[in-house]
Protein backbone atom coordinates (compact mmCIF):
# COMPACT_ATOMS: atom_id res chain seq x y z
CA UNK A 1 -30.66 128.27 61.46
CA UNK A 2 -30.67 129.64 65.01
CA UNK A 3 -32.09 126.41 66.39
CA UNK A 4 -28.95 124.52 65.36
CA UNK A 5 -26.72 127.02 67.18
CA UNK A 6 -28.97 126.64 70.21
CA UNK A 7 -28.43 122.89 69.95
CA UNK A 8 -24.66 123.49 70.13
CA UNK A 9 -25.20 125.40 73.37
CA UNK A 10 -27.37 122.56 74.73
CA UNK A 11 -24.65 120.06 73.79
CA UNK A 12 -22.10 122.20 75.66
CA UNK A 13 -24.33 122.28 78.76
CA UNK A 14 -24.48 118.49 78.72
CA UNK A 15 -20.70 118.45 78.23
CA UNK A 16 -20.27 120.41 81.46
CA UNK A 17 -22.52 117.86 83.19
CA UNK A 18 -20.58 114.83 82.02
CA UNK A 19 -17.19 116.38 82.72
CA UNK A 20 -18.31 117.14 86.27
CA UNK A 21 -19.69 113.62 86.46
CA UNK A 22 -16.34 112.12 85.46
CA UNK A 23 -14.72 113.87 88.41
CA UNK A 24 -17.46 113.65 91.03
CA UNK A 25 -19.52 110.52 90.24
CA UNK A 26 -19.41 108.04 93.11
CA UNK A 27 -22.46 105.83 92.71
CA UNK A 28 -24.17 103.75 90.08
CA UNK A 29 -26.79 106.44 89.42
CA UNK A 30 -24.32 109.30 89.15
CA UNK A 31 -22.26 107.24 86.68
CA UNK A 32 -25.44 106.38 84.75
CA UNK A 33 -26.35 110.07 84.52
CA UNK A 34 -22.80 110.86 83.39
CA UNK A 35 -23.05 108.31 80.58
CA UNK A 36 -26.46 109.65 79.55
CA UNK A 37 -25.03 113.18 79.47
CA UNK A 38 -22.16 111.98 77.25
CA UNK A 39 -24.59 110.35 74.82
CA UNK A 40 -26.88 113.40 74.67
CA UNK A 41 -23.96 115.82 74.37
CA UNK A 42 -22.31 114.07 71.46
CA UNK A 43 -25.60 113.13 69.81
CA UNK A 44 -26.75 116.75 69.71
CA UNK A 45 -23.27 117.88 68.64
CA UNK A 46 -23.15 115.45 65.72
CA UNK A 47 -26.66 116.40 64.61
CA UNK A 48 -25.94 120.13 64.64
CA UNK A 49 -22.58 119.52 62.94
CA UNK A 50 -24.45 118.07 59.97
CA UNK A 51 -26.34 121.34 59.51
CA UNK A 52 -23.60 123.87 60.42
CA UNK A 53 -19.88 124.25 59.63
CA UNK A 54 -18.32 121.42 61.62
CA UNK A 55 -15.08 123.17 62.55
CA UNK A 56 -16.93 126.18 63.98
CA UNK A 57 -19.46 123.98 65.78
CA UNK A 58 -16.72 121.96 67.43
CA UNK A 59 -14.71 125.04 68.45
CA UNK A 60 -17.78 126.64 70.00
CA UNK A 61 -18.78 123.38 71.71
CA UNK A 62 -15.35 122.92 73.27
CA UNK A 63 -15.01 126.58 74.24
CA UNK A 64 -18.40 126.77 75.90
CA UNK A 65 -17.79 123.43 77.60
CA UNK A 66 -14.44 124.63 78.93
CA UNK A 67 -15.88 127.91 80.17
CA UNK A 68 -18.84 126.15 81.77
CA UNK A 69 -16.64 123.55 83.43
CA UNK A 70 -14.28 126.12 84.94
CA UNK A 71 -17.16 128.26 86.17
CA UNK A 72 -19.13 125.32 87.59
CA UNK A 73 -16.05 124.07 89.43
CA UNK A 74 -15.68 127.48 91.08
CA UNK A 75 -19.39 127.94 91.85
CA UNK A 76 -20.49 124.40 92.73
CA UNK A 77 -17.43 122.43 93.75
CA UNK A 78 -15.28 124.80 95.78
CA UNK A 79 -12.52 125.52 93.30
CA UNK A 80 -10.84 128.77 94.41
CA UNK A 81 -12.22 131.88 92.67
CA UNK A 82 -9.72 133.75 90.53
CA UNK A 83 -10.19 136.96 88.59
CA UNK A 84 -7.49 135.76 86.21
CA UNK A 85 -9.59 132.67 85.40
CA UNK A 86 -12.68 134.82 84.90
CA UNK A 87 -10.74 137.16 82.60
CA UNK A 88 -9.39 134.27 80.56
CA UNK A 89 -12.88 132.76 80.31
CA UNK A 90 -14.15 136.16 79.06
CA UNK A 91 -11.34 136.21 76.48
CA UNK A 92 -12.23 132.66 75.40
CA UNK A 93 -15.92 133.53 75.08
CA UNK A 94 -15.02 136.67 73.12
CA UNK A 95 -13.07 134.52 70.67
CA UNK A 96 -15.99 132.10 70.39
CA UNK A 97 -18.42 134.95 69.74
CA UNK A 98 -16.06 136.37 67.10
CA UNK A 99 -15.78 132.98 65.43
CA UNK A 100 -19.56 132.65 65.35
CA UNK A 101 -19.96 136.15 63.91
CA UNK A 102 -17.58 135.51 61.00
CA UNK A 103 -19.09 132.11 60.16
CA UNK A 104 -21.74 132.14 57.41
CA UNK A 105 -25.10 131.12 58.79
CA UNK A 106 -26.43 129.16 55.83
CA UNK A 107 -27.14 125.49 55.45
CA UNK A 108 -25.40 123.65 52.67
CA UNK A 109 -27.81 122.05 50.25
CA UNK A 110 -27.17 118.36 49.66
CA UNK A 111 -25.63 117.63 46.31
CA UNK A 112 -27.56 115.50 43.85
CA UNK A 113 -26.02 112.45 42.32
CA UNK A 114 -23.65 113.47 39.53
CA UNK A 115 -23.70 117.17 40.52
CA UNK A 116 -20.32 118.90 40.54
CA UNK A 117 -19.32 120.79 43.67
């Protein structure tokens, strides 16, 4: 089951890429890479959401994407560094980790035709 959670992290990394691309793309190729990152990000997210609890997957995806975007803006694009931002990112990541820890890590078995839930 760990590989599906890793896929959520990969989807979040691609989310950071396409969000940065939306702000900083200025040529055909940078826009093309942004669109590819969007497709990969959501494709991997949808696939992992079919194997894991969707609400938890989406919350983790968005949280990691938000944290990654804020940090990449500070490190790569000159956004002013702020300890308050870093603290809030740590709080966000703590909540994400807590959410992951309380989510059962088992795959639902597909129901057979006529089987009651």
